[in-house]
ModelCIF file with pLDDT and N, C-alpha, C, O atoms, coordinates in Angstrom:
data_MODEL
#
_entry.id   MODEL 
#
_entity.id                         1 
_entity.type                       polymer 
_entity.pdbx_number_of_molecules   1 
#
_entity_poly.entity_id                      1 
_entity_poly.type                           'polypeptide(L)' 
_entity_poly.nstd_linkage                   no 
_entity_poly.nstd_monomer                   no 
_entity_poly.pdbx_seq_one_letter_code       QPLIRHLLRRECSVLVTTTTPTGARRLDDLLGGAAQHLYTPFDLSWIM 
_entity_poly.pdbx_seq_one_letter_code_can   QPLIRHLLRRECSVLVTTTTPTGARRLDDLLGGAAQHLYTPFDLSWIM 
_entity_poly.pdbx_strand_id                 A 
#
loop_
_entity_poly_seq.entity_id 
_entity_poly_seq.num 
_entity_poly_seq.mon_id 
_entity_poly_seq.hetero 
1 1  GLN n 
1 2  PRO n 
1 3  LEU n 
1 4  ILE n 
1 5  ARG n 
1 6  HIS n 
1 7  LEU n 
1 8  LEU n 
1 9  ARG n 
1 10 ARG n 
1 11 GLU n 
1 12 CYS n 
1 13 SER n 
1 14 VAL n 
1 15 LEU n 
1 16 VAL n 
1 17 THR n 
1 18 THR n 
1 19 THR n 
1 20 THR n 
1 21 PRO n 
1 22 THR n 
1 23 GLY n 
1 24 ALA n 
1 25 ARG n 
1 26 ARG n 
1 27 LEU n 
1 28 ASP n 
1 29 ASP n 
1 30 LEU n 
1 31 LEU n 
1 32 GLY n 
1 33 GLY n 
1 34 ALA n 
1 35 ALA n 
1 36 GLN n 
1 37 HIS n 
1 38 LEU n 
1 39 TYR n 
1 40 THR n 
1 41 PRO n 
1 42 PHE n 
1 43 ASP n 
1 44 LEU n 
1 45 SER n 
1 46 TRP n 
1 47 ILE n 
1 48 MET n 
#
_struct_asym.id          A 
_struct_asym.entity_id   1 
#
loop_
_ma_qa_metric.id 
_ma_qa_metric.mode 
_ma_qa_metric.name 
_ma_qa_metric.software_group_id 
_ma_qa_metric.type 
1 global pLDDT . pLDDT 
2 local  pLDDT . pLDDT 
#
_ma_qa_metric_global.metric_id      1 
_ma_qa_metric_global.metric_value   92.12 
_ma_qa_metric_global.model_id       1 
_ma_qa_metric_global.ordinal_id     1 
#
loop_
_ma_qa_metric_local.label_asym_id 
_ma_qa_metric_local.label_comp_id 
_ma_qa_metric_local.label_seq_id 
_ma_qa_metric_local.metric_id 
_ma_qa_metric_local.metric_value 
_ma_qa_metric_local.model_id 
_ma_qa_metric_local.ordinal_id 
A GLN 1  2 91.00 1 1  
A PRO 2  2 92.00 1 2  
A LEU 3  2 95.00 1 3  
A ILE 4  2 95.00 1 4  
A ARG 5  2 95.00 1 5  
A HIS 6  2 95.00 1 6  
A LEU 7  2 96.00 1 7  
A LEU 8  2 96.00 1 8  
A ARG 9  2 95.00 1 9  
A ARG 10 2 93.00 1 10 
A GLU 11 2 94.00 1 11 
A CYS 12 2 95.00 1 12 
A SER 13 2 96.00 1 13 
A VAL 14 2 96.00 1 14 
A LEU 15 2 97.00 1 15 
A VAL 16 2 96.00 1 16 
A THR 17 2 95.00 1 17 
A THR 18 2 93.00 1 18 
A THR 19 2 92.00 1 19 
A THR 20 2 89.00 1 20 
A PRO 21 2 89.00 1 21 
A THR 22 2 84.00 1 22 
A GLY 23 2 87.00 1 23 
A ALA 24 2 89.00 1 24 
A ARG 25 2 87.00 1 25 
A ARG 26 2 85.00 1 26 
A LEU 27 2 90.00 1 27 
A ASP 28 2 89.00 1 28 
A ASP 29 2 86.00 1 29 
A LEU 30 2 85.00 1 30 
A LEU 31 2 88.00 1 31 
A GLY 32 2 84.00 1 32 
A GLY 33 2 86.00 1 33 
A ALA 34 2 93.00 1 34 
A ALA 35 2 94.00 1 35 
A GLN 36 2 95.00 1 36 
A HIS 37 2 95.00 1 37 
A LEU 38 2 95.00 1 38 
A TYR 39 2 94.00 1 39 
A THR 40 2 93.00 1 40 
A PRO 41 2 93.00 1 41 
A PHE 42 2 94.00 1 42 
A ASP 43 2 93.00 1 43 
A LEU 44 2 94.00 1 44 
A SER 45 2 93.00 1 45 
A TRP 46 2 93.00 1 46 
A ILE 47 2 94.00 1 47 
A MET 48 2 94.00 1 48 
#
loop_
_atom_site.group_PDB 
_atom_site.id 
_atom_site.type_symbol 
_atom_site.label_atom_id 
_atom_site.label_alt_id 
_atom_site.label_comp_id 
_atom_site.label_asym_id 
_atom_site.label_entity_id 
_atom_site.label_seq_id 
_atom_site.pdbx_PDB_ins_code 
_atom_site.Cartn_x 
_atom_site.Cartn_y 
_atom_site.Cartn_z 
_atom_site.occupancy 
_atom_site.B_iso_or_equiv 
_atom_site.pdbx_formal_charge 
_atom_site.auth_seq_id 
_atom_site.auth_comp_id 
_atom_site.auth_asym_id 
_atom_site.auth_atom_id 
_atom_site.pdbx_PDB_model_num 
ATOM 1   N N  . GLN A 1 1  ? -2.234 -5.855  -12.280 1.00 91.00 ? 1  GLN A N  1 
ATOM 2   C CA . GLN A 1 1  ? -1.592 -5.648  -13.534 1.00 91.00 ? 1  GLN A CA 1 
ATOM 3   C C  . GLN A 1 1  ? -2.594 -4.853  -14.736 1.00 91.00 ? 1  GLN A C  1 
ATOM 4   O O  . GLN A 1 1  ? -2.205 -3.877  -15.378 1.00 91.00 ? 1  GLN A O  1 
ATOM 5   N N  . PRO A 1 2  ? -3.471 -5.264  -14.832 1.00 92.00 ? 2  PRO A N  1 
ATOM 6   C CA . PRO A 1 2  ? -4.447 -4.684  -15.904 1.00 92.00 ? 2  PRO A CA 1 
ATOM 7   C C  . PRO A 1 2  ? -4.831 -3.296  -15.256 1.00 92.00 ? 2  PRO A C  1 
ATOM 8   O O  . PRO A 1 2  ? -4.801 -2.289  -15.964 1.00 92.00 ? 2  PRO A O  1 
ATOM 9   N N  . LEU A 1 3  ? -5.108 -3.238  -14.225 1.00 95.00 ? 3  LEU A N  1 
ATOM 10  C CA . LEU A 1 3  ? -5.391 -1.801  -13.531 1.00 95.00 ? 3  LEU A CA 1 
ATOM 11  C C  . LEU A 1 3  ? -4.039 -0.865  -13.805 1.00 95.00 ? 3  LEU A C  1 
ATOM 12  O O  . LEU A 1 3  ? -4.146 0.266   -14.280 1.00 95.00 ? 3  LEU A O  1 
ATOM 13  N N  . ILE A 1 4  ? -2.929 -1.378  -13.501 1.00 95.00 ? 4  ILE A N  1 
ATOM 14  C CA . ILE A 1 4  ? -1.759 -0.438  -13.669 1.00 95.00 ? 4  ILE A CA 1 
ATOM 15  C C  . ILE A 1 4  ? -1.597 -0.171  -15.289 1.00 95.00 ? 4  ILE A C  1 
ATOM 16  O O  . ILE A 1 4  ? -1.244 0.959   -15.626 1.00 95.00 ? 4  ILE A O  1 
ATOM 17  N N  . ARG A 1 5  ? -1.793 -0.973  -16.109 1.00 95.00 ? 5  ARG A N  1 
ATOM 18  C CA . ARG A 1 5  ? -1.967 -0.954  -17.533 1.00 95.00 ? 5  ARG A CA 1 
ATOM 19  C C  . ARG A 1 5  ? -2.734 0.229   -17.999 1.00 95.00 ? 5  ARG A C  1 
ATOM 20  O O  . ARG A 1 5  ? -2.334 1.153   -18.708 1.00 95.00 ? 5  ARG A O  1 
ATOM 21  N N  . HIS A 1 6  ? -3.912 0.038   -17.475 1.00 95.00 ? 6  HIS A N  1 
ATOM 22  C CA . HIS A 1 6  ? -5.028 1.213   -17.707 1.00 95.00 ? 6  HIS A CA 1 
ATOM 23  C C  . HIS A 1 6  ? -4.694 2.640   -17.231 1.00 95.00 ? 6  HIS A C  1 
ATOM 24  O O  . HIS A 1 6  ? -4.924 3.655   -17.888 1.00 95.00 ? 6  HIS A O  1 
ATOM 25  N N  . LEU A 1 7  ? -4.059 2.593   -15.874 1.00 96.00 ? 7  LEU A N  1 
ATOM 26  C CA . LEU A 1 7  ? -3.786 4.077   -15.399 1.00 96.00 ? 7  LEU A CA 1 
ATOM 27  C C  . LEU A 1 7  ? -2.694 4.462   -16.583 1.00 96.00 ? 7  LEU A C  1 
ATOM 28  O O  . LEU A 1 7  ? -2.853 5.481   -17.256 1.00 96.00 ? 7  LEU A O  1 
ATOM 29  N N  . LEU A 1 8  ? -1.703 3.671   -16.762 1.00 96.00 ? 8  LEU A N  1 
ATOM 30  C CA . LEU A 1 8  ? -0.548 4.121   -17.594 1.00 96.00 ? 8  LEU A CA 1 
ATOM 31  C C  . LEU A 1 8  ? -1.064 4.343   -19.081 1.00 96.00 ? 8  LEU A C  1 
ATOM 32  O O  . LEU A 1 8  ? -0.400 5.037   -19.851 1.00 96.00 ? 8  LEU A O  1 
ATOM 33  N N  . ARG A 1 9  ? -2.240 3.755   -19.471 1.00 95.00 ? 9  ARG A N  1 
ATOM 34  C CA . ARG A 1 9  ? -2.612 4.459   -20.918 1.00 95.00 ? 9  ARG A CA 1 
ATOM 35  C C  . ARG A 1 9  ? -3.327 5.845   -20.588 1.00 95.00 ? 9  ARG A C  1 
ATOM 36  O O  . ARG A 1 9  ? -3.410 6.719   -21.451 1.00 95.00 ? 9  ARG A O  1 
ATOM 37  N N  . ARG A 1 10 ? -3.876 6.022   -19.215 1.00 93.00 ? 10 ARG A N  1 
ATOM 38  C CA . ARG A 1 10 ? -4.482 7.268   -19.084 1.00 93.00 ? 10 ARG A CA 1 
ATOM 39  C C  . ARG A 1 10 ? -3.468 8.302   -18.831 1.00 93.00 ? 10 ARG A C  1 
ATOM 40  O O  . ARG A 1 10 ? -3.841 9.419   -18.472 1.00 93.00 ? 10 ARG A O  1 
ATOM 41  N N  . GLU A 1 11 ? -2.053 7.998   -19.004 1.00 94.00 ? 11 GLU A N  1 
ATOM 42  C CA . GLU A 1 11 ? -1.268 9.031   -18.941 1.00 94.00 ? 11 GLU A CA 1 
ATOM 43  C C  . GLU A 1 11 ? -0.969 9.187   -17.320 1.00 94.00 ? 11 GLU A C  1 
ATOM 44  O O  . GLU A 1 11 ? -0.343 10.204  -17.022 1.00 94.00 ? 11 GLU A O  1 
ATOM 45  N N  . CYS A 1 12 ? -1.297 8.402   -16.359 1.00 95.00 ? 12 CYS A N  1 
ATOM 46  C CA . CYS A 1 12 ? -1.047 8.470   -14.894 1.00 95.00 ? 12 CYS A CA 1 
ATOM 47  C C  . CYS A 1 12 ? 0.416  7.833   -14.524 1.00 95.00 ? 12 CYS A C  1 
ATOM 48  O O  . CYS A 1 12 ? 0.878  6.766   -14.929 1.00 95.00 ? 12 CYS A O  1 
ATOM 49  N N  . SER A 1 13 ? 0.947  8.683   -13.739 1.00 96.00 ? 13 SER A N  1 
ATOM 50  C CA . SER A 1 13 ? 2.279  8.336   -13.187 1.00 96.00 ? 13 SER A CA 1 
ATOM 51  C C  . SER A 1 13 ? 1.822  7.274   -11.971 1.00 96.00 ? 13 SER A C  1 
ATOM 52  O O  . SER A 1 13 ? 0.898  7.497   -11.188 1.00 96.00 ? 13 SER A O  1 
ATOM 53  N N  . VAL A 1 14 ? 2.596  6.169   -11.977 1.00 96.00 ? 14 VAL A N  1 
ATOM 54  C CA . VAL A 1 14 ? 2.224  5.155   -11.100 1.00 96.00 ? 14 VAL A CA 1 
ATOM 55  C C  . VAL A 1 14 ? 3.036  4.725   -10.145 1.00 96.00 ? 14 VAL A C  1 
ATOM 56  O O  . VAL A 1 14 ? 4.056  4.326   -10.707 1.00 96.00 ? 14 VAL A O  1 
ATOM 57  N N  . LEU A 1 15 ? 3.142  4.563   -8.712  1.00 97.00 ? 15 LEU A N  1 
ATOM 58  C CA . LEU A 1 15 ? 4.119  3.813   -7.870  1.00 97.00 ? 15 LEU A CA 1 
ATOM 59  C C  . LEU A 1 15 ? 3.539  2.733   -7.328  1.00 97.00 ? 15 LEU A C  1 
ATOM 60  O O  . LEU A 1 15 ? 2.439  2.829   -6.783  1.00 97.00 ? 15 LEU A O  1 
ATOM 61  N N  . VAL A 1 16 ? 4.243  1.504   -7.414  1.00 96.00 ? 16 VAL A N  1 
ATOM 62  C CA . VAL A 1 16 ? 3.615  0.125   -7.222  1.00 96.00 ? 16 VAL A CA 1 
ATOM 63  C C  . VAL A 1 16 ? 4.592  -0.118  -5.868  1.00 96.00 ? 16 VAL A C  1 
ATOM 64  O O  . VAL A 1 16 ? 5.800  0.109   -5.937  1.00 96.00 ? 16 VAL A O  1 
ATOM 65  N N  . THR A 1 17 ? 3.988  -0.573  -4.702  1.00 95.00 ? 17 THR A N  1 
ATOM 66  C CA . THR A 1 17 ? 4.678  -1.126  -3.491  1.00 95.00 ? 17 THR A CA 1 
ATOM 67  C C  . THR A 1 17 ? 4.420  -2.402  -3.268  1.00 95.00 ? 17 THR A C  1 
ATOM 68  O O  . THR A 1 17 ? 3.222  -2.664  -3.162  1.00 95.00 ? 17 THR A O  1 
ATOM 69  N N  . THR A 1 18 ? 5.239  -3.365  -3.152  1.00 93.00 ? 18 THR A N  1 
ATOM 70  C CA . THR A 1 18 ? 5.406  -4.694  -2.750  1.00 93.00 ? 18 THR A CA 1 
ATOM 71  C C  . THR A 1 18 ? 6.204  -4.948  -1.346  1.00 93.00 ? 18 THR A C  1 
ATOM 72  O O  . THR A 1 18 ? 7.150  -4.309  -0.885  1.00 93.00 ? 18 THR A O  1 
ATOM 73  N N  . THR A 1 19 ? 5.567  -6.011  -0.848  1.00 92.00 ? 19 THR A N  1 
ATOM 74  C CA . THR A 1 19 ? 6.285  -6.443  0.426   1.00 92.00 ? 19 THR A CA 1 
ATOM 75  C C  . THR A 1 19 ? 7.407  -7.284  0.202   1.00 92.00 ? 19 THR A C  1 
ATOM 76  O O  . THR A 1 19 ? 8.330  -7.300  1.016   1.00 92.00 ? 19 THR A O  1 
ATOM 77  N N  . THR A 1 20 ? 7.421  -8.062  -0.934  1.00 89.00 ? 20 THR A N  1 
ATOM 78  C CA . THR A 1 20 ? 8.380  -9.264  -1.102  1.00 89.00 ? 20 THR A CA 1 
ATOM 79  C C  . THR A 1 20 ? 8.968  -8.945  -2.479  1.00 89.00 ? 20 THR A C  1 
ATOM 80  O O  . THR A 1 20 ? 8.375  -8.361  -3.386  1.00 89.00 ? 20 THR A O  1 
ATOM 81  N N  . PRO A 1 21 ? 10.352 -9.463  -2.503  1.00 89.00 ? 21 PRO A N  1 
ATOM 82  C CA . PRO A 1 21 ? 11.311 -8.953  -3.683  1.00 89.00 ? 21 PRO A CA 1 
ATOM 83  C C  . PRO A 1 21 ? 10.548 -10.060 -4.730  1.00 89.00 ? 21 PRO A C  1 
ATOM 84  O O  . PRO A 1 21 ? 10.571 -9.751  -5.921  1.00 89.00 ? 21 PRO A O  1 
ATOM 85  N N  . THR A 1 22 ? 9.941  -11.204 -4.390  1.00 84.00 ? 22 THR A N  1 
ATOM 86  C CA . THR A 1 22 ? 9.297  -11.857 -5.629  1.00 84.00 ? 22 THR A CA 1 
ATOM 87  C C  . THR A 1 22 ? 8.162  -11.182 -6.413  1.00 84.00 ? 22 THR A C  1 
ATOM 88  O O  . THR A 1 22 ? 7.980  -11.321 -7.622  1.00 84.00 ? 22 THR A O  1 
ATOM 89  N N  . GLY A 1 23 ? 7.411  -10.424 -5.568  1.00 87.00 ? 23 GLY A N  1 
ATOM 90  C CA . GLY A 1 23 ? 6.378  -9.405  -5.888  1.00 87.00 ? 23 GLY A CA 1 
ATOM 91  C C  . GLY A 1 23 ? 7.020  -8.300  -6.864  1.00 87.00 ? 23 GLY A C  1 
ATOM 92  O O  . GLY A 1 23 ? 6.425  -8.020  -7.904  1.00 87.00 ? 23 GLY A O  1 
ATOM 93  N N  . ALA A 1 24 ? 8.356  -7.607  -6.500  1.00 89.00 ? 24 ALA A N  1 
ATOM 94  C CA . ALA A 1 24 ? 8.933  -6.567  -7.144  1.00 89.00 ? 24 ALA A CA 1 
ATOM 95  C C  . ALA A 1 24 ? 9.545  -7.363  -8.587  1.00 89.00 ? 24 ALA A C  1 
ATOM 96  O O  . ALA A 1 24 ? 9.619  -6.785  -9.672  1.00 89.00 ? 24 ALA A O  1 
ATOM 97  N N  . ARG A 1 25 ? 9.849  -8.416  -8.418  1.00 87.00 ? 25 ARG A N  1 
ATOM 98  C CA . ARG A 1 25 ? 10.638 -9.379  -9.717  1.00 87.00 ? 25 ARG A CA 1 
ATOM 99  C C  . ARG A 1 25 ? 9.368  -9.404  -10.772 1.00 87.00 ? 25 ARG A C  1 
ATOM 100 O O  . ARG A 1 25 ? 9.533  -9.151  -11.966 1.00 87.00 ? 25 ARG A O  1 
ATOM 101 N N  . ARG A 1 26 ? 8.046  -9.746  -10.188 1.00 85.00 ? 26 ARG A N  1 
ATOM 102 C CA . ARG A 1 26 ? 7.131  -9.926  -11.199 1.00 85.00 ? 26 ARG A CA 1 
ATOM 103 C C  . ARG A 1 26 ? 6.633  -8.898  -11.786 1.00 85.00 ? 26 ARG A C  1 
ATOM 104 O O  . ARG A 1 26 ? 6.255  -8.972  -12.956 1.00 85.00 ? 26 ARG A O  1 
ATOM 105 N N  . LEU A 1 27 ? 6.552  -7.779  -11.076 1.00 90.00 ? 27 LEU A N  1 
ATOM 106 C CA . LEU A 1 27 ? 6.273  -6.546  -11.523 1.00 90.00 ? 27 LEU A CA 1 
ATOM 107 C C  . LEU A 1 27 ? 7.002  -6.060  -12.695 1.00 90.00 ? 27 LEU A C  1 
ATOM 108 O O  . LEU A 1 27 ? 6.537  -5.638  -13.754 1.00 90.00 ? 27 LEU A O  1 
ATOM 109 N N  . ASP A 1 28 ? 8.443  -6.212  -12.269 1.00 89.00 ? 28 ASP A N  1 
ATOM 110 C CA . ASP A 1 28 ? 9.600  -5.709  -13.591 1.00 89.00 ? 28 ASP A CA 1 
ATOM 111 C C  . ASP A 1 28 ? 9.234  -6.811  -14.785 1.00 89.00 ? 28 ASP A C  1 
ATOM 112 O O  . ASP A 1 28 ? 9.250  -6.346  -15.925 1.00 89.00 ? 28 ASP A O  1 
ATOM 113 N N  . ASP A 1 29 ? 8.954  -8.012  -14.666 1.00 86.00 ? 29 ASP A N  1 
ATOM 114 C CA . ASP A 1 29 ? 8.746  -8.925  -15.650 1.00 86.00 ? 29 ASP A CA 1 
ATOM 115 C C  . ASP A 1 29 ? 7.567  -8.335  -16.425 1.00 86.00 ? 29 ASP A C  1 
ATOM 116 O O  . ASP A 1 29 ? 7.660  -8.256  -17.650 1.00 86.00 ? 29 ASP A O  1 
ATOM 117 N N  . LEU A 1 30 ? 6.530  -7.939  -15.835 1.00 85.00 ? 30 LEU A N  1 
ATOM 118 C CA . LEU A 1 30 ? 5.219  -7.660  -16.542 1.00 85.00 ? 30 LEU A CA 1 
ATOM 119 C C  . LEU A 1 30 ? 5.348  -6.240  -17.158 1.00 85.00 ? 30 LEU A C  1 
ATOM 120 O O  . LEU A 1 30 ? 4.883  -5.988  -18.269 1.00 85.00 ? 30 LEU A O  1 
ATOM 121 N N  . LEU A 1 31 ? 6.040  -5.260  -16.345 1.00 88.00 ? 31 LEU A N  1 
ATOM 122 C CA . LEU A 1 31 ? 6.139  -4.013  -16.774 1.00 88.00 ? 31 LEU A CA 1 
ATOM 123 C C  . LEU A 1 31 ? 7.218  -3.336  -17.141 1.00 88.00 ? 31 LEU A C  1 
ATOM 124 O O  . LEU A 1 31 ? 7.183  -2.231  -17.680 1.00 88.00 ? 31 LEU A O  1 
ATOM 125 N N  . GLY A 1 32 ? 8.205  -3.954  -16.871 1.00 84.00 ? 32 GLY A N  1 
ATOM 126 C CA . GLY A 1 32 ? 9.698  -3.274  -16.951 1.00 84.00 ? 32 GLY A CA 1 
ATOM 127 C C  . GLY A 1 32 ? 9.580  -2.065  -16.014 1.00 84.00 ? 32 GLY A C  1 
ATOM 128 O O  . GLY A 1 32 ? 9.126  -2.099  -14.870 1.00 84.00 ? 32 GLY A O  1 
ATOM 129 N N  . GLY A 1 33 ? 10.020 -1.070  -16.614 1.00 86.00 ? 33 GLY A N  1 
ATOM 130 C CA . GLY A 1 33 ? 10.199 0.115   -15.753 1.00 86.00 ? 33 GLY A CA 1 
ATOM 131 C C  . GLY A 1 33 ? 9.114  1.229   -16.012 1.00 86.00 ? 33 GLY A C  1 
ATOM 132 O O  . GLY A 1 33 ? 9.276  2.396   -15.654 1.00 86.00 ? 33 GLY A O  1 
ATOM 133 N N  . ALA A 1 34 ? 7.920  0.734   -16.710 1.00 93.00 ? 34 ALA A N  1 
ATOM 134 C CA . ALA A 1 34 ? 6.673  1.676   -16.914 1.00 93.00 ? 34 ALA A CA 1 
ATOM 135 C C  . ALA A 1 34 ? 6.179  2.175   -15.466 1.00 93.00 ? 34 ALA A C  1 
ATOM 136 O O  . ALA A 1 34 ? 5.858  3.357   -15.342 1.00 93.00 ? 34 ALA A O  1 
ATOM 137 N N  . ALA A 1 35 ? 6.116  1.351   -14.436 1.00 94.00 ? 35 ALA A N  1 
ATOM 138 C CA . ALA A 1 35 ? 5.727  1.838   -13.115 1.00 94.00 ? 35 ALA A CA 1 
ATOM 139 C C  . ALA A 1 35 ? 6.882  1.915   -12.155 1.00 94.00 ? 35 ALA A C  1 
ATOM 140 O O  . ALA A 1 35 ? 7.791  1.092   -12.260 1.00 94.00 ? 35 ALA A O  1 
ATOM 141 N N  . GLN A 1 36 ? 6.913  2.950   -11.123 1.00 95.00 ? 36 GLN A N  1 
ATOM 142 C CA . GLN A 1 36 ? 7.986  2.996   -10.180 1.00 95.00 ? 36 GLN A CA 1 
ATOM 143 C C  . GLN A 1 36 ? 7.447  2.132   -9.133  1.00 95.00 ? 36 GLN A C  1 
ATOM 144 O O  . GLN A 1 36 ? 6.267  1.983   -8.813  1.00 95.00 ? 36 GLN A O  1 
ATOM 145 N N  . HIS A 1 37 ? 8.863  1.393   -8.479  1.00 95.00 ? 37 HIS A N  1 
ATOM 146 C CA . HIS A 1 37 ? 8.614  0.297   -7.498  1.00 95.00 ? 37 HIS A CA 1 
ATOM 147 C C  . HIS A 1 37 ? 9.485  0.656   -6.312  1.00 95.00 ? 37 HIS A C  1 
ATOM 148 O O  . HIS A 1 37 ? 10.675 0.960   -6.401  1.00 95.00 ? 37 HIS A O  1 
ATOM 149 N N  . LEU A 1 38 ? 8.713  0.585   -5.086  1.00 95.00 ? 38 LEU A N  1 
ATOM 150 C CA . LEU A 1 38 ? 9.496  0.521   -3.736  1.00 95.00 ? 38 LEU A CA 1 
ATOM 151 C C  . LEU A 1 38 ? 8.889  -0.233  -2.937  1.00 95.00 ? 38 LEU A C  1 
ATOM 152 O O  . LEU A 1 38 ? 7.694  -0.496  -3.068  1.00 95.00 ? 38 LEU A O  1 
ATOM 153 N N  . TYR A 1 39 ? 9.631  -0.690  -1.990  1.00 94.00 ? 39 TYR A N  1 
ATOM 154 C CA . TYR A 1 39 ? 9.233  -1.735  -1.053  1.00 94.00 ? 39 TYR A CA 1 
ATOM 155 C C  . TYR A 1 39 ? 8.280  -0.935  0.111   1.00 94.00 ? 39 TYR A C  1 
ATOM 156 O O  . TYR A 1 39 ? 8.504  0.222   0.465   1.00 94.00 ? 39 TYR A O  1 
ATOM 157 N N  . THR A 1 40 ? 7.254  -1.718  0.598   1.00 93.00 ? 40 THR A N  1 
ATOM 158 C CA . THR A 1 40 ? 6.144  -1.247  1.277   1.00 93.00 ? 40 THR A CA 1 
ATOM 159 C C  . THR A 1 40 ? 6.870  -0.707  2.588   1.00 93.00 ? 40 THR A C  1 
ATOM 160 O O  . THR A 1 40 ? 7.731  -1.397  3.134   1.00 93.00 ? 40 THR A O  1 
ATOM 161 N N  . PRO A 1 41 ? 6.505  0.541   3.079   1.00 93.00 ? 41 PRO A N  1 
ATOM 162 C CA . PRO A 1 41 ? 6.924  0.996   4.342   1.00 93.00 ? 41 PRO A CA 1 
ATOM 163 C C  . PRO A 1 41 ? 6.115  0.395   5.507   1.00 93.00 ? 41 PRO A C  1 
ATOM 164 O O  . PRO A 1 41 ? 4.916  0.138   5.404   1.00 93.00 ? 41 PRO A O  1 
ATOM 165 N N  . PHE A 1 42 ? 6.784  0.203   6.536   1.00 94.00 ? 42 PHE A N  1 
ATOM 166 C CA . PHE A 1 42 ? 6.322  -0.270  7.956   1.00 94.00 ? 42 PHE A CA 1 
ATOM 167 C C  . PHE A 1 42 ? 4.954  0.917   8.109   1.00 94.00 ? 42 PHE A C  1 
ATOM 168 O O  . PHE A 1 42 ? 4.982  2.074   7.691   1.00 94.00 ? 42 PHE A O  1 
ATOM 169 N N  . ASP A 1 43 ? 3.922  0.311   8.752   1.00 93.00 ? 43 ASP A N  1 
ATOM 170 C CA . ASP A 1 43 ? 3.018  1.379   9.030   1.00 93.00 ? 43 ASP A CA 1 
ATOM 171 C C  . ASP A 1 43 ? 3.101  2.089   10.392  1.00 93.00 ? 43 ASP A C  1 
ATOM 172 O O  . ASP A 1 43 ? 2.300  1.965   11.319  1.00 93.00 ? 43 ASP A O  1 
ATOM 173 N N  . LEU A 1 44 ? 4.162  2.826   10.357  1.00 94.00 ? 44 LEU A N  1 
ATOM 174 C CA . LEU A 1 44 ? 4.247  3.883   11.612  1.00 94.00 ? 44 LEU A CA 1 
ATOM 175 C C  . LEU A 1 44 ? 4.029  5.207   11.011  1.00 94.00 ? 44 LEU A C  1 
ATOM 176 O O  . LEU A 1 44 ? 4.541  5.376   9.905   1.00 94.00 ? 44 LEU A O  1 
ATOM 177 N N  . SER A 1 45 ? 3.407  6.118   11.498  1.00 93.00 ? 45 SER A N  1 
ATOM 178 C CA . SER A 1 45 ? 3.161  7.553   11.152  1.00 93.00 ? 45 SER A CA 1 
ATOM 179 C C  . SER A 1 45 ? 4.170  8.123   10.430  1.00 93.00 ? 45 SER A C  1 
ATOM 180 O O  . SER A 1 45 ? 3.987  8.537   9.286   1.00 93.00 ? 45 SER A O  1 
ATOM 181 N N  . TRP A 1 46 ? 5.203  8.181   10.989  1.00 93.00 ? 46 TRP A N  1 
ATOM 182 C CA . TRP A 1 46 ? 6.451  9.064   10.690  1.00 93.00 ? 46 TRP A CA 1 
ATOM 183 C C  . TRP A 1 46 ? 7.069  8.437   9.358   1.00 93.00 ? 46 TRP A C  1 
ATOM 184 O O  . TRP A 1 46 ? 7.696  9.136   8.563   1.00 93.00 ? 46 TRP A O  1 
ATOM 185 N N  . ILE A 1 47 ? 6.867  7.170   9.181   1.00 94.00 ? 47 ILE A N  1 
ATOM 186 C CA . ILE A 1 47 ? 7.317  6.459   8.098   1.00 94.00 ? 47 ILE A CA 1 
ATOM 187 C C  . ILE A 1 47 ? 6.581  6.791   6.755   1.00 94.00 ? 47 ILE A C  1 
ATOM 188 O O  . ILE A 1 47 ? 7.053  7.113   5.665   1.00 94.00 ? 47 ILE A O  1 
ATOM 189 N N  . MET A 1 48 ? 5.012  6.579   7.244   1.00 94.00 ? 48 MET A N  1 
ATOM 190 C CA . MET A 1 48 ? 4.186  6.943   6.130   1.00 94.00 ? 48 MET A CA 1 
ATOM 191 C C  . MET A 1 48 ? 4.233  8.232   5.464   1.00 94.00 ? 48 MET A C  1 
ATOM 192 O O  . MET A 1 48 ? 3.487  8.462   4.512   1.00 94.00 ? 48 MET A O  1 
#
């Protein structure tokens, strides 16, 4: 969270990926929509 807030203050756009829905909910609780969220892709080359 503090790293993401620092990046946002630098006016960097940020994507955060999480594996779990609880991680996604916590991100929303902490930052609202300030950072974009996606679920973590499986580690296959074509998906990445």
